[in-house]
Amino acid sequence: MRGRVIGLSVQRQMIIDFLYFARSVPTVPVQKQMSIAALAAARAACGDRPRWTAIFTKALALAAEDVPELRRAYVKFPWPHLYEYPSSKANIMIERDYQGEPALCPVSIKDPAHQPLPVIGGLLQHAATAPLESMKDFQRWKRLTRLPRPLRRALWWFGLNIGRQRANFFGTFGVSVYSALNAESLHPLSPLTALLNYGVMTQDGNVAVRIVYDHRVMDGATVARALSRMEELLNSVILEEVRSLANLAEKNSHSAQVTTLALKASGPLLR
């Protein structure tokens, strides 16, 4: 059957390089069914609802403060060892259209554990709508992908295996989610120590949350405890923040109503 040849675009080559290094990482998924009905209700009460991606990203970063293994990486230069970072850096993949083809745009968020949810959501919104020419992470990966393959692969290797620089280029954990499309991935691949993924939220506030982890860095029991800690944080620290956002929105709405009524009442006097 006669078909047509389609050359590899920059975005396809970027994914090929990513998977080239991801396939050498012995990753294992661990999943936990979480019950976060109260959080879902608080989020629904917000005028400007915080993104679920922002919520889960912050929860994992907070859990990583208690589980240092989530802030470690297996690196090979100058000899195989583990490198631990003082804080987390999230690497979140956003799908964008580039030259008529879907492309993954990486978004880096430093220390999401101590970033307000609206700030994280604003960064994600900017990444989803801003011109790709202004996205530094995407432009950096695009320049890298256009280099000759031997040089490109060498730079990838050093970026992943020099502990001090690895987090600058790749972050300490990744986030890849498409539950908004009513679908989920059971075992996404990544060269990072941990990759966060979650499924579709049910009406009663249950959701499957999974971490795909590098078995060289930690064991499954550690990840299971980290997921339990995440659920605790979602139903405590994160819940309180979301409720405060809902209360703030309610206060602003009430103030706006009072101002409107006052203006209407004083209308005849002003005339």
C-alpha atoms as a PDB file:
ATOM      1  CA  MET A   1       0.000   0.000   0.000  1.00  0.00           C
ATOM      2  CA  ARG A   2       1.428   3.345  -1.041  1.00  0.00           C
ATOM      3  CA  GLY A   3       1.417   6.000   1.659  1.00  0.00           C
ATOM      4  CA  ARG A   4       3.355   9.149   2.335  1.00  0.00           C
ATOM      5  CA  VAL A   5       6.497   9.981   4.252  1.00  0.00           C
ATOM      6  CA  ILE A   6       6.096  12.351   7.188  1.00  0.00           C
ATOM      7  CA  GLY A   7       9.257  13.882   8.572  1.00  0.00           C
ATOM      8  CA  LEU A   8       9.829  14.118  12.307  1.00  0.00           C
ATOM      9  CA  SER A   9       8.800  17.517  13.600  1.00  0.00           C
ATOM     10  CA  VAL A  10      10.626  19.311  16.399  1.00  0.00           C
ATOM     11  CA  GLN A  11       7.939  18.322  18.882  1.00  0.00           C
ATOM     12  CA  ARG A  12       8.010  14.629  17.864  1.00  0.00           C
ATOM     13  CA  GLN A  13      11.813  14.559  18.101  1.00  0.00           C
ATOM     14  CA  MET A  14      11.592  16.163  21.535  1.00  0.00           C
ATOM     15  CA  ILE A  15       9.369  13.312  22.756  1.00  0.00           C
ATOM     16  CA  ILE A  16      11.653  10.713  21.152  1.00  0.00           C
ATOM     17  CA  ASP A  17      14.642  12.111  23.071  1.00  0.00           C
ATOM     18  CA  PHE A  18      12.592  12.184  26.268  1.00  0.00           C
ATOM     19  CA  LEU A  19      11.577   8.535  25.852  1.00  0.00           C
ATOM     20  CA  TYR A  20      15.102   7.493  24.889  1.00  0.00           C
ATOM     21  CA  PHE A  21      16.240   8.340  28.412  1.00  0.00           C
ATOM     22  CA  ALA A  22      12.970   7.386  30.112  1.00  0.00           C
ATOM     23  CA  ARG A  23      13.179   3.784  28.897  1.00  0.00           C
ATOM     24  CA  SER A  24      16.400   3.202  30.853  1.00  0.00           C
ATOM     25  CA  VAL A  25      14.715   4.154  34.151  1.00  0.00           C
ATOM     26  CA  PRO A  26      13.150   1.213  36.072  1.00  0.00           C
ATOM     27  CA  THR A  27       9.833   2.865  36.906  1.00  0.00           C
ATOM     28  CA  VAL A  28       6.970   1.324  38.863  1.00  0.00           C
ATOM     29  CA  PRO A  29       3.496   2.850  39.394  1.00  0.00           C
ATOM     30  CA  VAL A  30       1.800   2.965  42.800  1.00  0.00           C
ATOM     31  CA  GLN A  31      -1.847   4.037  42.962  1.00  0.00           C
ATOM     32  CA  LYS A  32      -4.113   5.118  45.810  1.00  0.00           C
ATOM     33  CA  GLN A  33      -7.836   5.797  45.714  1.00  0.00           C
ATOM     34  CA  MET A  34      -8.284   9.110  47.509  1.00  0.00           C
ATOM     35  CA  SER A  35     -11.447  10.536  49.032  1.00  0.00           C
ATOM     36  CA  ILE A  36     -11.454  14.337  48.808  1.00  0.00           C
ATOM     37  CA  ALA A  37     -15.170  15.186  48.697  1.00  0.00           C
ATOM     38  CA  ALA A  38     -14.801  18.136  51.091  1.00  0.00           C
ATOM     39  CA  LEU A  39     -12.035  19.602  48.930  1.00  0.00           C
ATOM     40  CA  ALA A  40     -14.118  19.174  45.771  1.00  0.00           C
ATOM     41  CA  ALA A  41     -17.029  20.978  47.454  1.00  0.00           C
ATOM     42  CA  ALA A  42     -14.796  23.820  48.651  1.00  0.00           C
ATOM     43  CA  ARG A  43     -13.325  24.188  45.185  1.00  0.00           C
ATOM     44  CA  ALA A  44     -16.815  24.308  43.655  1.00  0.00           C
ATOM     45  CA  ALA A  45     -17.656  27.192  46.003  1.00  0.00           C
ATOM     46  CA  CYS A  46     -14.790  29.316  44.670  1.00  0.00           C
ATOM     47  CA  GLY A  47     -15.653  31.995  42.158  1.00  0.00           C
ATOM     48  CA  ASP A  48     -12.358  31.427  40.343  1.00  0.00           C
ATOM     49  CA  ARG A  49     -11.781  27.729  40.897  1.00  0.00           C
ATOM     50  CA  PRO A  50      -8.167  26.678  41.450  1.00  0.00           C
ATOM     51  CA  ARG A  51      -6.940  24.153  38.911  1.00  0.00           C
ATOM     52  CA  TRP A  52      -6.809  20.534  40.000  1.00  0.00           C
ATOM     53  CA  THR A  53      -3.328  20.336  38.503  1.00  0.00           C
ATOM     54  CA  ALA A  54      -2.207  23.158  40.792  1.00  0.00           C
ATOM     55  CA  ILE A  55      -3.855  21.482  43.792  1.00  0.00           C
ATOM     56  CA  PHE A  56      -2.232  18.076  43.251  1.00  0.00           C
ATOM     57  CA  THR A  57       1.133  19.595  42.345  1.00  0.00           C
ATOM     58  CA  LYS A  58       1.226  21.565  45.599  1.00  0.00           C
ATOM     59  CA  ALA A  59       0.080  18.529  47.596  1.00  0.00           C
ATOM     60  CA  LEU A  60       2.911  16.374  46.224  1.00  0.00           C
ATOM     61  CA  ALA A  61       5.468  19.123  46.896  1.00  0.00           C
ATOM     62  CA  LEU A  62       4.218  19.412  50.466  1.00  0.00           C
ATOM     63  CA  ALA A  63       4.435  15.634  50.874  1.00  0.00           C
ATOM     64  CA  ALA A  64       8.002  15.755  49.565  1.00  0.00           C
ATOM     65  CA  GLU A  65       8.942  17.944  52.531  1.00  0.00           C
ATOM     66  CA  ASP A  66       8.104  14.965  54.765  1.00  0.00           C
ATOM     67  CA  VAL A  67       9.353  12.280  52.355  1.00  0.00           C
ATOM     68  CA  PRO A  68      12.883  13.306  51.275  1.00  0.00           C
ATOM     69  CA  GLU A  69      13.119  10.411  48.816  1.00  0.00           C
ATOM     70  CA  LEU A  70      10.781  12.387  46.549  1.00  0.00           C
ATOM     71  CA  ARG A  71      13.458  15.094  46.395  1.00  0.00           C
ATOM     72  CA  ARG A  72      16.236  12.710  45.405  1.00  0.00           C
ATOM     73  CA  ALA A  73      17.581  11.646  42.052  1.00  0.00           C
ATOM     74  CA  TYR A  74      19.775   8.824  40.815  1.00  0.00           C
ATOM     75  CA  VAL A  75      22.693  10.344  38.911  1.00  0.00           C
ATOM     76  CA  LYS A  76      25.743   8.737  37.294  1.00  0.00           C
ATOM     77  CA  PHE A  77      28.313  11.546  37.144  1.00  0.00           C
ATOM     78  CA  PRO A  78      31.076  11.299  38.258  1.00  0.00           C
ATOM     79  CA  TRP A  79      29.938   7.979  39.828  1.00  0.00           C
ATOM     80  CA  PRO A  80      26.489   6.499  40.542  1.00  0.00           C
ATOM     81  CA  HIS A  81      24.939   8.106  43.641  1.00  0.00           C
ATOM     82  CA  LEU A  82      21.781   9.745  44.963  1.00  0.00           C
ATOM     83  CA  TYR A  83      21.472  13.519  45.061  1.00  0.00           C
ATOM     84  CA  GLU A  84      18.972  15.215  47.401  1.00  0.00           C
ATOM     85  CA  TYR A  85      17.505  18.673  46.776  1.00  0.00           C
ATOM     86  CA  PRO A  86      16.422  21.063  49.553  1.00  0.00           C
ATOM     87  CA  SER A  87      13.063  21.777  47.903  1.00  0.00           C
ATOM     88  CA  SER A  88      10.908  20.559  45.036  1.00  0.00           C
ATOM     89  CA  LYS A  89      10.598  21.857  41.509  1.00  0.00           C
ATOM     90  CA  ALA A  90       7.653  20.697  39.412  1.00  0.00           C
ATOM     91  CA  ASN A  91       7.864  20.057  35.683  1.00  0.00           C
ATOM     92  CA  ILE A  92       4.332  20.119  34.258  1.00  0.00           C
ATOM     93  CA  MET A  93       3.489  19.231  30.674  1.00  0.00           C
ATOM     94  CA  ILE A  94       0.954  21.460  28.884  1.00  0.00           C
ATOM     95  CA  GLU A  95      -0.368  20.561  25.432  1.00  0.00           C
ATOM     96  CA  ARG A  96      -0.173  23.382  22.898  1.00  0.00           C
ATOM     97  CA  ASP A  97      -0.543  23.701  19.165  1.00  0.00           C
ATOM     98  CA  TYR A  98       2.728  24.354  17.368  1.00  0.00           C
ATOM     99  CA  GLN A  99       2.810  24.693  13.587  1.00  0.00           C
ATOM    100  CA  GLY A 100      -0.495  22.858  13.250  1.00  0.00           C
ATOM    101  CA  GLU A 101       0.523  19.897  15.405  1.00  0.00           C
ATOM    102  CA  PRO A 102       0.016  19.142  19.131  1.00  0.00           C
ATOM    103  CA  ALA A 103       3.164  19.810  21.140  1.00  0.00           C
ATOM    104  CA  LEU A 104       4.057  19.337  24.790  1.00  0.00           C
ATOM    105  CA  CYS A 105       5.258  22.511  26.466  1.00  0.00           C
ATOM    106  CA  PRO A 106       7.120  21.986  29.762  1.00  0.00           C
ATOM    107  CA  VAL A 107       6.330  24.417  32.569  1.00  0.00           C
ATOM    108  CA  SER A 108       8.714  24.670  35.530  1.00  0.00           C
ATOM    109  CA  ILE A 109       7.397  25.797  38.929  1.00  0.00           C
ATOM    110  CA  LYS A 110       9.934  26.383  41.691  1.00  0.00           C
ATOM    111  CA  ASP A 111       9.065  25.318  45.234  1.00  0.00           C
ATOM    112  CA  PRO A 112       5.327  24.767  44.607  1.00  0.00           C
ATOM    113  CA  ALA A 113       4.887  23.751  48.261  1.00  0.00           C
ATOM    114  CA  HIS A 114       5.157  27.415  49.242  1.00  0.00           C
ATOM    115  CA  GLN A 115       3.357  28.962  46.277  1.00  0.00           C
ATOM    116  CA  PRO A 116      -0.309  30.019  46.647  1.00  0.00           C
ATOM    117  CA  LEU A 117      -2.684  28.012  44.473  1.00  0.00           C
ATOM    118  CA  PRO A 118      -3.699  31.091  42.426  1.00  0.00           C
ATOM    119  CA  VAL A 119      -0.036  31.706  41.594  1.00  0.00           C
ATOM    120  CA  ILE A 120       0.480  28.129  40.406  1.00  0.00           C
ATOM    121  CA  GLY A 121      -2.767  28.320  38.455  1.00  0.00           C
ATOM    122  CA  GLY A 122      -1.702  31.622  36.916  1.00  0.00           C
ATOM    123  CA  LEU A 123       1.559  30.109  35.720  1.00  0.00           C
ATOM    124  CA  LEU A 124      -0.344  27.216  34.146  1.00  0.00           C
ATOM    125  CA  GLN A 125      -2.830  29.591  32.522  1.00  0.00           C
ATOM    126  CA  HIS A 126       0.015  31.683  31.122  1.00  0.00           C
ATOM    127  CA  ALA A 127       1.664  28.552  29.719  1.00  0.00           C
ATOM    128  CA  ALA A 128      -1.610  27.506  28.096  1.00  0.00           C
ATOM    129  CA  THR A 129      -2.327  30.842  26.412  1.00  0.00           C
ATOM    130  CA  ALA A 130       0.887  32.846  25.960  1.00  0.00           C
ATOM    131  CA  PRO A 131       2.656  32.802  22.575  1.00  0.00           C
ATOM    132  CA  LEU A 132       5.089  29.906  22.446  1.00  0.00           C
ATOM    133  CA  GLU A 133       7.787  32.322  21.323  1.00  0.00           C
ATOM    134  CA  SER A 134       7.667  33.824  24.837  1.00  0.00           C
ATOM    135  CA  MET A 135       7.889  30.449  26.623  1.00  0.00           C
ATOM    136  CA  LYS A 136      11.516  30.106  27.722  1.00  0.00           C
ATOM    137  CA  ASP A 137      11.309  26.401  28.584  1.00  0.00           C
ATOM    138  CA  PHE A 138       9.773  25.488  25.233  1.00  0.00           C
ATOM    139  CA  GLN A 139      12.227  27.621  23.279  1.00  0.00           C
ATOM    140  CA  ARG A 140      15.163  26.066  25.150  1.00  0.00           C
ATOM    141  CA  TRP A 141      13.968  22.529  24.365  1.00  0.00           C
ATOM    142  CA  LYS A 142      13.350  23.507  20.759  1.00  0.00           C
ATOM    143  CA  ARG A 143      16.909  24.810  20.363  1.00  0.00           C
ATOM    144  CA  LEU A 144      18.261  21.653  21.981  1.00  0.00           C
ATOM    145  CA  THR A 145      16.220  19.396  19.703  1.00  0.00           C
ATOM    146  CA  ARG A 146      17.605  21.055  16.585  1.00  0.00           C
ATOM    147  CA  LEU A 147      21.187  20.114  17.493  1.00  0.00           C
ATOM    148  CA  PRO A 148      22.813  17.039  15.886  1.00  0.00           C
ATOM    149  CA  ARG A 149      21.681  13.875  17.660  1.00  0.00           C
ATOM    150  CA  PRO A 150      25.073  12.863  19.178  1.00  0.00           C
ATOM    151  CA  LEU A 151      25.527  16.316  20.722  1.00  0.00           C
ATOM    152  CA  ARG A 152      21.877  16.493  21.758  1.00  0.00           C
ATOM    153  CA  ARG A 153      21.929  13.116  23.478  1.00  0.00           C
ATOM    154  CA  ALA A 154      25.187  14.013  25.256  1.00  0.00           C
ATOM    155  CA  LEU A 155      23.638  17.207  26.624  1.00  0.00           C
ATOM    156  CA  TRP A 156      20.577  15.273  27.768  1.00  0.00           C
ATOM    157  CA  TRP A 157      22.804  12.735  29.542  1.00  0.00           C
ATOM    158  CA  PHE A 158      24.833  15.368  31.380  1.00  0.00           C
ATOM    159  CA  GLY A 159      21.680  17.331  32.247  1.00  0.00           C
ATOM    160  CA  LEU A 160      20.165  14.228  33.844  1.00  0.00           C
ATOM    161  CA  ASN A 161      23.343  13.014  35.564  1.00  0.00           C
ATOM    162  CA  ILE A 162      24.890  16.122  37.122  1.00  0.00           C
ATOM    163  CA  GLY A 163      23.043  16.389  40.418  1.00  0.00           C
ATOM    164  CA  ARG A 164      23.422  20.117  40.932  1.00  0.00           C
ATOM    165  CA  GLN A 165      22.071  20.951  37.462  1.00  0.00           C
ATOM    166  CA  ARG A 166      19.460  18.231  36.971  1.00  0.00           C
ATOM    167  CA  ALA A 167      16.668  20.004  38.854  1.00  0.00           C
ATOM    168  CA  ASN A 168      17.361  23.246  36.985  1.00  0.00           C
ATOM    169  CA  PHE A 169      16.661  21.570  33.643  1.00  0.00           C
ATOM    170  CA  PHE A 170      14.148  18.845  34.517  1.00  0.00           C
ATOM    171  CA  GLY A 171      12.742  19.572  37.974  1.00  0.00           C
ATOM    172  CA  THR A 172      12.522  17.093  40.846  1.00  0.00           C
ATOM    173  CA  PHE A 173       9.174  15.589  39.806  1.00  0.00           C
ATOM    174  CA  GLY A 174       6.911  15.668  36.796  1.00  0.00           C
ATOM    175  CA  VAL A 175       3.158  16.042  36.304  1.00  0.00           C
ATOM    176  CA  SER A 176       1.344  14.590  33.298  1.00  0.00           C
ATOM    177  CA  VAL A 177      -2.463  14.583  33.374  1.00  0.00           C
ATOM    178  CA  TYR A 178      -5.294  14.474  30.862  1.00  0.00           C
ATOM    179  CA  SER A 179      -8.229  13.578  33.102  1.00  0.00           C
ATOM    180  CA  ALA A 180     -10.005  16.640  31.657  1.00  0.00           C
ATOM    181  CA  LEU A 181     -10.420  14.486  28.543  1.00  0.00           C
ATOM    182  CA  ASN A 182     -12.032  11.737  30.674  1.00  0.00           C
ATOM    183  CA  ALA A 183      -8.993   9.514  30.256  1.00  0.00           C
ATOM    184  CA  GLU A 184      -5.950   8.559  32.305  1.00  0.00           C
ATOM    185  CA  SER A 185      -2.584   6.918  31.786  1.00  0.00           C
ATOM    186  CA  LEU A 186      -1.762   3.900  33.928  1.00  0.00           C
ATOM    187  CA  HIS A 187       2.029   3.953  33.509  1.00  0.00           C
ATOM    188  CA  PRO A 188       3.400   7.096  31.833  1.00  0.00           C
ATOM    189  CA  LEU A 189       7.139   7.050  31.187  1.00  0.00           C
ATOM    190  CA  SER A 190       9.595   9.601  32.525  1.00  0.00           C
ATOM    191  CA  PRO A 191      13.320   9.883  33.325  1.00  0.00           C
ATOM    192  CA  LEU A 192      12.452  11.727  36.557  1.00  0.00           C
ATOM    193  CA  THR A 193      12.377  10.232  40.042  1.00  0.00           C
ATOM    194  CA  ALA A 194       8.605  10.686  40.356  1.00  0.00           C
ATOM    195  CA  LEU A 195       5.803  11.427  37.924  1.00  0.00           C
ATOM    196  CA  LEU A 196       2.394  12.426  39.286  1.00  0.00           C
ATOM    197  CA  ASN A 197      -0.736  11.308  37.478  1.00  0.00           C
ATOM    198  CA  TYR A 198      -4.390  11.200  38.502  1.00  0.00           C
ATOM    199  CA  GLY A 199      -7.640  10.024  36.974  1.00  0.00           C
ATOM    200  CA  VAL A 200     -11.163  11.364  36.593  1.00  0.00           C
ATOM    201  CA  MET A 201     -12.884  12.722  39.700  1.00  0.00           C
ATOM    202  CA  THR A 202     -16.113  10.910  40.574  1.00  0.00           C
ATOM    203  CA  GLN A 203     -19.249  12.726  41.735  1.00  0.00           C
ATOM    204  CA  ASP A 204     -18.705  11.549  45.307  1.00  0.00           C
ATOM    205  CA  GLY A 205     -15.204  13.048  45.414  1.00  0.00           C
ATOM    206  CA  ASN A 206     -13.066   9.963  44.827  1.00  0.00           C
ATOM    207  CA  VAL A 207     -10.076   9.977  42.512  1.00  0.00           C
ATOM    208  CA  ALA A 208      -7.269   7.555  41.655  1.00  0.00           C
ATOM    209  CA  VAL A 209      -3.881   9.195  42.232  1.00  0.00           C
ATOM    210  CA  ARG A 210      -0.673   7.481  41.187  1.00  0.00           C
ATOM    211  CA  ILE A 211       3.030   8.144  41.362  1.00  0.00           C
ATOM    212  CA  VAL A 212       5.332   6.467  38.864  1.00  0.00           C
ATOM    213  CA  TYR A 213       8.671   6.258  40.646  1.00  0.00           C
ATOM    214  CA  ASP A 214      12.298   5.356  39.980  1.00  0.00           C
ATOM    215  CA  HIS A 215      12.880   2.114  41.881  1.00  0.00           C
ATOM    216  CA  ARG A 216      16.603   2.903  42.163  1.00  0.00           C
ATOM    217  CA  VAL A 217      15.770   5.835  44.422  1.00  0.00           C
ATOM    218  CA  MET A 218      13.012   4.442  46.644  1.00  0.00           C
ATOM    219  CA  ASP A 219      10.709   1.484  47.228  1.00  0.00           C
ATOM    220  CA  GLY A 220       6.980   1.031  46.771  1.00  0.00           C
ATOM    221  CA  ALA A 221       6.179   1.247  50.484  1.00  0.00           C
ATOM    222  CA  THR A 222       7.760   4.708  50.605  1.00  0.00           C
ATOM    223  CA  VAL A 223       5.594   5.843  47.705  1.00  0.00           C
ATOM    224  CA  ALA A 224       2.488   4.358  49.338  1.00  0.00           C
ATOM    225  CA  ARG A 225       3.203   6.364  52.486  1.00  0.00           C
ATOM    226  CA  ALA A 226       3.793   9.482  50.371  1.00  0.00           C
ATOM    227  CA  LEU A 227       0.382   9.023  48.721  1.00  0.00           C
ATOM    228  CA  SER A 228      -1.248   8.646  52.142  1.00  0.00           C
ATOM    229  CA  ARG A 229       0.481  11.849  53.235  1.00  0.00           C
ATOM    230  CA  MET A 230      -0.770  13.559  50.076  1.00  0.00           C
ATOM    231  CA  GLU A 231      -4.353  12.593  50.920  1.00  0.00           C
ATOM    232  CA  GLU A 232      -3.918  13.965  54.452  1.00  0.00           C
ATOM    233  CA  LEU A 233      -2.599  17.242  53.070  1.00  0.00           C
ATOM    234  CA  LEU A 234      -5.391  17.517  50.503  1.00  0.00           C
ATOM    235  CA  ASN A 235      -7.949  17.138  53.296  1.00  0.00           C
ATOM    236  CA  SER A 236      -6.229  19.572  55.666  1.00  0.00           C
ATOM    237  CA  VAL A 237      -3.718  22.182  54.473  1.00  0.00           C
ATOM    238  CA  ILE A 238      -4.959  22.345  50.880  1.00  0.00           C
ATOM    239  CA  LEU A 239      -8.603  22.227  51.967  1.00  0.00           C
ATOM    240  CA  GLU A 240      -8.103  25.194  54.297  1.00  0.00           C
ATOM    241  CA  GLU A 241      -6.431  27.213  51.548  1.00  0.00           C
ATOM    242  CA  VAL A 242      -9.236  26.487  49.089  1.00  0.00           C
ATOM    243  CA  ARG A 243     -11.852  27.390  51.723  1.00  0.00           C
ATOM    244  CA  SER A 244     -10.054  30.677  52.352  1.00  0.00           C
ATOM    245  CA  LEU A 245     -10.206  31.405  48.624  1.00  0.00           C
ATOM    246  CA  ALA A 246     -13.936  30.668  48.631  1.00  0.00           C
ATOM    247  CA  ASN A 247     -14.469  32.934  51.668  1.00  0.00           C
ATOM    248  CA  LEU A 248     -12.468  35.713  50.030  1.00  0.00           C
ATOM    249  CA  ALA A 249     -14.551  35.432  46.870  1.00  0.00           C
ATOM    250  CA  GLU A 250     -17.742  35.568  48.950  1.00  0.00           C
ATOM    251  CA  LYS A 251     -16.531  38.672  50.822  1.00  0.00           C
ATOM    252  CA  ASN A 252     -15.582  40.398  47.568  1.00  0.00           C
ATOM    253  CA  SER A 253     -18.967  39.564  46.094  1.00  0.00           C
ATOM    254  CA  HIS A 254     -20.754  40.912  49.194  1.00  0.00           C
ATOM    255  CA  SER A 255     -18.679  44.112  49.117  1.00  0.00           C
ATOM    256  CA  ALA A 256     -19.514  44.609  45.459  1.00  0.00           C
ATOM    257  CA  GLN A 257     -23.236  44.186  46.201  1.00  0.00           C
ATOM    258  CA  VAL A 258     -23.072  46.679  49.065  1.00  0.00           C
ATOM    259  CA  THR A 259     -21.263  49.189  46.866  1.00  0.00           C
ATOM    260  CA  THR A 260     -23.845  48.772  44.111  1.00  0.00           C
ATOM    261  CA  LEU A 261     -26.742  49.296  46.535  1.00  0.00           C
ATOM    262  CA  ALA A 262     -25.037  52.361  48.012  1.00  0.00           C
ATOM    263  CA  LEU A 263     -24.572  53.884  44.577  1.00  0.00           C
ATOM    264  CA  LYS A 264     -28.205  53.240  43.694  1.00  0.00           C
ATOM    265  CA  ALA A 265     -29.369  54.801  46.964  1.00  0.00           C
ATOM    266  CA  SER A 266     -27.231  57.900  46.498  1.00  0.00           C
ATOM    267  CA  GLY A 267     -28.091  58.262  42.835  1.00  0.00           C
ATOM    268  CA  PRO A 268     -30.758  60.961  43.205  1.00  0.00           C
ATOM    269  CA  LEU A 269     -28.523  62.981  45.578  1.00  0.00           C
ATOM    270  CA  LEU A 270     -25.659  62.837  43.116  1.00  0.00           C
ATOM    271  CA  ARG A 271     -27.898  64.096  40.366  1.00  0.00           C
END
